[in-house]
Protein backbone atom coordinates (compact mmCIF):
# COMPACT_ATOMS: atom_id res chain seq x y z
CA UNK A 1 97.58 114.59 70.39
CA UNK A 2 99.71 115.01 73.50
CA UNK A 3 99.42 112.03 76.08
CA UNK A 4 99.63 112.51 79.90
CA UNK A 5 102.26 111.14 81.99
CA UNK A 6 99.89 108.79 83.27
CA UNK A 7 99.00 107.58 79.98
CA UNK A 8 102.58 107.14 78.88
CA UNK A 9 102.74 105.16 82.16
CA UNK A 10 100.01 102.90 81.45
CA UNK A 11 101.24 102.11 77.95
CA UNK A 12 104.72 101.39 79.33
CA UNK A 13 102.93 99.09 81.84
CA UNK A 14 101.27 97.36 78.94
CA UNK A 15 104.41 96.96 76.88
CA UNK A 16 106.51 95.48 79.91
CA UNK A 17 103.60 93.26 81.20
CA UNK A 18 104.66 90.08 78.98
CA UNK A 19 108.47 90.60 80.08
CA UNK A 20 108.19 91.25 83.65
CA UNK A 21 108.93 88.11 85.85
CA UNK A 22 107.64 89.89 88.89
CA UNK A 23 103.83 90.57 88.58
CA UNK A 24 103.19 92.28 92.13
CA UNK A 25 106.24 94.75 91.22
CA UNK A 26 104.04 95.67 87.91
CA UNK A 27 100.92 96.06 90.38
CA UNK A 28 102.78 98.61 92.27
CA UNK A 29 104.68 100.59 89.40
CA UNK A 30 106.39 103.74 90.49
CA UNK A 31 108.68 105.90 88.82
CA UNK A 32 111.51 104.44 90.44
CA UNK A 33 110.85 101.05 89.53
CA UNK A 34 113.84 99.38 87.96
CA UNK A 35 113.38 97.35 85.28
CA UNK A 36 116.07 94.68 85.76
CA UNK A 37 115.98 94.67 89.65
CA UNK A 38 112.36 95.06 90.69
CA UNK A 39 110.74 93.56 87.44
CA UNK A 40 113.18 91.11 87.06
CA UNK A 41 113.37 91.76 83.08
CA UNK A 42 116.50 90.42 81.36
CA UNK A 43 118.71 92.44 79.22
CA UNK A 44 117.52 90.73 75.91
CA UNK A 45 113.96 91.48 77.04
CA UNK A 46 114.90 94.98 77.64
CA UNK A 47 115.92 95.20 73.93
CA UNK A 48 112.35 94.07 73.15
CA UNK A 49 110.77 96.49 75.34
CA UNK A 50 112.70 99.37 73.75
CA UNK A 51 111.60 98.58 70.26
CA UNK A 52 108.04 97.87 71.38
CA UNK A 53 108.36 101.37 72.92
CA UNK A 54 109.67 102.69 69.55
CA UNK A 55 106.82 101.09 67.69
CA UNK A 56 104.07 102.49 70.28
CA UNK A 57 105.28 106.03 70.43
CA UNK A 58 106.47 106.09 66.89
CA UNK A 59 109.84 107.27 68.17
CA UNK A 60 113.47 106.32 67.76
CA UNK A 61 115.71 105.43 70.87
CA UNK A 62 119.51 105.68 70.32
CA UNK A 63 121.90 103.77 72.17
CA UNK A 64 122.87 106.78 74.43
CA UNK A 65 118.90 106.93 75.61
CA UNK A 66 118.74 103.53 76.02
CA UNK A 67 121.24 103.42 78.49
CA UNK A 68 119.65 106.18 80.54
CA UNK A 69 116.31 103.71 80.62
CA UNK A 70 117.07 101.84 83.90
CA UNK A 71 113.95 102.63 85.66
CA UNK A 72 110.36 103.54 84.82
CA UNK A 73 110.74 107.27 85.45
CA UNK A 74 114.05 107.40 83.08
CA UNK A 75 111.98 105.60 80.16
CA UNK A 76 109.12 108.21 80.38
CA UNK A 77 111.81 111.05 80.26
CA UNK A 78 113.19 109.70 77.17
CA UNK A 79 110.23 108.97 75.58
CA UNK A 80 108.92 112.64 76.56
CA UNK A 81 112.08 114.19 75.06
CA UNK A 82 111.84 111.88 71.79
CA UNK A 83 108.21 112.94 71.22
CA UNK A 84 109.16 116.70 71.82
CA UNK A 85 111.73 116.46 69.52
CA UNK A 86 109.58 115.30 66.62
């Protein structure tokens, strides 16, 4: 079953919620929202988020893909590409 981009964005929001230090940025989440700058997520927590994304979507995210995931939009692109490749 394919999820819409909106559903993926909602799942991503739920994954990021415990780690985000700026709840107001989460409330106004956009594809341009930067994990580190806007949500104040530190790099260690970013790894936890990647692991949670892998579990949630049943995908594997390699280091190259992880390096691309700087904002919500790029994370969604990586998720969609990995799901399409399954």
